[in-house]
């Protein structure tokens, strides 16, 4: 997990500019030694201490789905229970990474992309229709978290929210049988012959 180990990244020189390297990315701060660069460095350190999953400087580069999901999984590992984390890991590692684990930009992930991931879940025959719909909503939640943390544009997230859930009888899906109600001990005594 990209968590600071009590030491912020170093303020360094690159030619005549001040830079800081974080998660393999070079972030320019201004002219080396200038007050502007020192203020930018202090702000950068404060931002990553406030949000340890920050992976890129906002607006500097295109965030990929791989970067977004890695940061999101780090966030969920710190904030959610193990069952929730497991659901997100299934989505990210088995479906999103398989189809979009290359250098696909988060803003290049369209409703048709979500439908493709969802169809891959259906074709796997591992999940009932309701769970496929739940997982599609969890993908949308990942992008919503990206909007909150300024890694994804709001228009991308809103477009994904427009995807309708799979309806009952959708080709290739199955629904689990409804659960029977549990018999309460007091009801058992009524039918008992003893």
Protein backbone atom coordinates (compact mmCIF):
# COMPACT_ATOMS: atom_id res chain seq x y z
CA UNK A 1 0.00 0.00 0.00
CA UNK A 2 1.29 3.46 -0.82
CA UNK A 3 1.37 4.75 2.74
CA UNK A 4 4.06 7.15 3.91
CA UNK A 5 6.52 5.57 6.28
CA UNK A 6 6.96 8.71 8.43
CA UNK A 7 9.14 10.29 5.73
CA UNK A 8 7.73 12.41 2.93
CA UNK A 9 9.25 12.23 -0.55
CA UNK A 10 12.35 14.41 -0.95
CA UNK A 11 12.50 17.91 -2.37
CA UNK A 12 15.00 17.47 -5.22
CA UNK A 13 16.67 19.33 -8.04
CA UNK A 14 16.18 18.54 -11.73
CA UNK A 15 18.14 21.08 -13.74
CA UNK A 16 16.91 24.45 -12.57
CA UNK A 17 13.60 23.08 -11.27
CA UNK A 18 12.49 21.64 -7.95
CA UNK A 19 10.80 18.26 -8.22
CA UNK A 20 9.39 15.56 -5.99
CA UNK A 21 9.09 11.93 -7.08
CA UNK A 22 6.07 10.01 -5.87
CA UNK A 23 4.93 6.60 -7.13
CA UNK A 24 7.36 6.84 -10.01
CA UNK A 25 5.99 10.15 -11.24
CA UNK A 26 7.93 13.40 -11.33
CA UNK A 27 6.03 16.39 -9.99
CA UNK A 28 7.41 19.84 -10.82
CA UNK A 29 7.24 22.43 -8.05
CA UNK A 30 8.79 25.50 -9.65
CA UNK A 31 12.32 26.95 -9.74
CA UNK A 32 14.64 25.15 -7.34
CA UNK A 33 15.11 27.06 -4.08
CA UNK A 34 12.31 29.56 -4.77
CA UNK A 35 9.65 30.36 -2.19
CA UNK A 36 7.02 29.21 -4.70
CA UNK A 37 8.61 25.74 -4.96
CA UNK A 38 8.89 25.41 -1.18
CA UNK A 39 5.22 26.29 -0.73
CA UNK A 40 4.27 23.83 -3.51
CA UNK A 41 6.36 21.13 -1.80
CA UNK A 42 4.71 21.76 1.58
CA UNK A 43 1.28 21.58 -0.08
CA UNK A 44 2.23 18.34 -1.90
CA UNK A 45 3.40 16.69 1.34
CA UNK A 46 0.26 17.85 3.17
CA UNK A 47 -1.97 16.42 0.41
CA UNK A 48 -0.34 12.99 0.45
CA UNK A 49 -0.42 12.88 4.25
CA UNK A 50 -4.12 13.73 4.18
CA UNK A 51 -4.77 11.16 1.44
CA UNK A 52 -2.10 8.40 1.44
CA UNK A 53 -3.67 6.75 -1.62
CA UNK A 54 -2.95 9.79 -3.80
CA UNK A 55 -1.07 8.45 -6.81
CA UNK A 56 -0.67 11.37 -9.19
CA UNK A 57 -0.71 15.13 -9.06
CA UNK A 58 -4.17 16.29 -9.98
CA UNK A 59 -4.43 17.42 -13.57
CA UNK A 60 -0.82 16.60 -14.44
CA UNK A 61 -1.27 13.25 -16.16
CA UNK A 62 -4.06 10.98 -17.28
CA UNK A 63 -4.97 8.52 -14.58
CA UNK A 64 -5.28 4.94 -15.78
CA UNK A 65 -7.82 2.41 -14.58
CA UNK A 66 -4.95 0.41 -13.12
CA UNK A 67 -3.85 3.42 -11.02
CA UNK A 68 -7.41 4.26 -9.95
CA UNK A 69 -8.21 0.71 -8.86
CA UNK A 70 -4.89 0.29 -7.02
CA UNK A 71 -5.52 3.49 -5.06
CA UNK A 72 -9.13 2.50 -4.42
CA UNK A 73 -8.18 -0.96 -3.12
CA UNK A 74 -5.67 0.68 -0.78
CA UNK A 75 -8.45 2.96 0.46
CA UNK A 76 -10.93 0.09 0.95
CA UNK A 77 -8.31 -2.00 2.77
CA UNK A 78 -8.01 0.80 5.32
CA UNK A 79 -11.69 1.70 5.64
CA UNK A 80 -13.93 -1.32 4.94
CA UNK A 81 -14.51 -4.77 6.35
CA UNK A 82 -12.85 -7.83 4.82
CA UNK A 83 -16.02 -9.01 3.03
CA UNK A 84 -16.45 -5.69 1.23
CA UNK A 85 -12.75 -5.65 0.37
CA UNK A 86 -13.05 -9.18 -1.07
CA UNK A 87 -15.93 -8.14 -3.35
CA UNK A 88 -13.94 -5.20 -4.70
CA UNK A 89 -10.84 -7.39 -5.24
CA UNK A 90 -12.89 -9.83 -7.34
CA UNK A 91 -14.17 -7.00 -9.51
CA UNK A 92 -10.80 -5.30 -9.91
CA UNK A 93 -8.47 -8.26 -10.27
CA UNK A 94 -10.65 -10.68 -12.19
CA UNK A 95 -12.69 -8.41 -14.44
CA UNK A 96 -11.47 -4.80 -14.72
CA UNK A 97 -7.78 -5.74 -14.86
CA UNK A 98 -8.45 -8.46 -17.42
CA UNK A 99 -10.16 -6.12 -19.89
CA UNK A 100 -8.79 -2.69 -18.97
CA UNK A 101 -5.59 -3.37 -17.01
CA UNK A 102 -3.39 -1.80 -19.65
CA UNK A 103 -2.99 1.97 -19.93
CA UNK A 104 -6.68 2.74 -20.46
CA UNK A 105 -7.51 6.19 -19.13
CA UNK A 106 -10.27 6.37 -16.53
CA UNK A 107 -12.05 8.92 -18.70
CA UNK A 108 -11.86 6.45 -21.60
CA UNK A 109 -14.03 4.01 -19.62
CA UNK A 110 -17.50 4.50 -21.10
CA UNK A 111 -20.91 2.91 -20.49
CA UNK A 112 -20.10 0.46 -23.29
CA UNK A 113 -16.95 -0.50 -21.33
CA UNK A 114 -19.01 -1.15 -18.21
CA UNK A 115 -21.43 -3.27 -20.25
CA UNK A 116 -18.49 -5.27 -21.63
CA UNK A 117 -17.17 -5.97 -18.11
CA UNK A 118 -20.67 -6.89 -16.99
CA UNK A 119 -21.09 -9.25 -19.96
CA UNK A 120 -17.79 -10.89 -19.04
CA UNK A 121 -19.22 -11.53 -15.57
CA UNK A 122 -22.37 -13.04 -17.10
CA UNK A 123 -20.32 -15.28 -19.42
CA UNK A 124 -18.24 -16.52 -16.49
CA UNK A 125 -21.44 -18.18 -15.14
CA UNK A 126 -20.08 -17.60 -11.61
CA UNK A 127 -22.58 -15.02 -10.41
CA UNK A 128 -26.36 -14.75 -10.36
CA UNK A 129 -27.95 -11.78 -12.12
CA UNK A 130 -28.41 -9.83 -8.86
CA UNK A 131 -24.73 -10.19 -7.98
CA UNK A 132 -23.69 -9.11 -11.49
CA UNK A 133 -25.83 -5.99 -11.01
CA UNK A 134 -24.30 -5.42 -7.56
CA UNK A 135 -20.78 -5.71 -9.00
CA UNK A 136 -21.61 -3.28 -11.81
CA UNK A 137 -22.78 -0.83 -9.13
CA UNK A 138 -19.53 -1.37 -7.21
CA UNK A 139 -17.57 -0.45 -10.35
CA UNK A 140 -19.61 2.75 -10.56
CA UNK A 141 -18.79 3.34 -6.86
CA UNK A 142 -15.05 3.03 -7.63
CA UNK A 143 -15.41 5.77 -10.24
CA UNK A 144 -17.48 7.85 -7.79
CA UNK A 145 -14.62 7.60 -5.30
CA UNK A 146 -12.32 8.70 -8.12
CA UNK A 147 -14.48 11.80 -8.67
CA UNK A 148 -14.34 12.59 -4.95
CA UNK A 149 -10.55 12.34 -5.01
CA UNK A 150 -10.18 14.30 -8.27
CA UNK A 151 -8.89 11.35 -10.27
CA UNK A 152 -11.93 10.93 -12.54
CA UNK A 153 -14.07 13.53 -14.28
CA UNK A 154 -17.63 13.79 -13.05
CA UNK A 155 -19.01 13.31 -16.57
CA UNK A 156 -17.42 9.85 -16.76
CA UNK A 157 -19.04 8.81 -13.49
CA UNK A 158 -22.45 10.23 -14.49
CA UNK A 159 -22.32 8.39 -17.82
CA UNK A 160 -21.65 5.09 -16.01
CA UNK A 161 -24.61 5.72 -13.69
CA UNK A 162 -26.87 5.77 -16.78
CA UNK A 163 -26.29 2.03 -17.39
CA UNK A 164 -29.46 0.18 -16.42
CA UNK A 165 -29.25 -3.03 -14.35
CA UNK A 166 -29.86 -6.39 -16.01
CA UNK A 167 -33.53 -7.32 -15.87
CA UNK A 168 -34.91 -10.73 -14.91
CA UNK A 169 -34.54 -13.19 -17.78
CA UNK A 170 -31.57 -11.43 -19.38
CA UNK A 171 -29.90 -13.96 -21.75
CA UNK A 172 -27.15 -15.98 -20.07
CA UNK A 173 -28.10 -14.98 -16.51
CA UNK A 174 -29.66 -17.02 -13.76
CA UNK A 175 -31.42 -16.14 -10.54
CA UNK A 176 -31.01 -18.03 -7.31
CA UNK A 177 -34.14 -19.52 -5.77
CA UNK A 178 -35.82 -17.43 -3.11
CA UNK A 179 -34.91 -18.50 0.40
CA UNK A 180 -37.50 -20.28 2.48
CA UNK A 181 -38.43 -18.66 5.79
CA UNK A 182 -36.76 -20.11 8.86
CA UNK A 183 -39.00 -22.06 11.22
CA UNK A 184 -38.85 -20.57 14.72
CA UNK A 185 -38.47 -22.92 17.68
CA UNK A 186 -41.93 -21.95 19.06
CA UNK A 187 -43.52 -23.03 15.78
CA UNK A 188 -41.76 -26.40 15.96
CA UNK A 189 -43.31 -27.09 19.37
CA UNK A 190 -46.81 -26.56 17.94
CA UNK A 191 -46.25 -29.37 15.44
CA UNK A 192 -44.46 -31.65 17.85
CA UNK A 193 -46.25 -34.77 19.07
CA UNK A 194 -44.41 -34.81 22.41
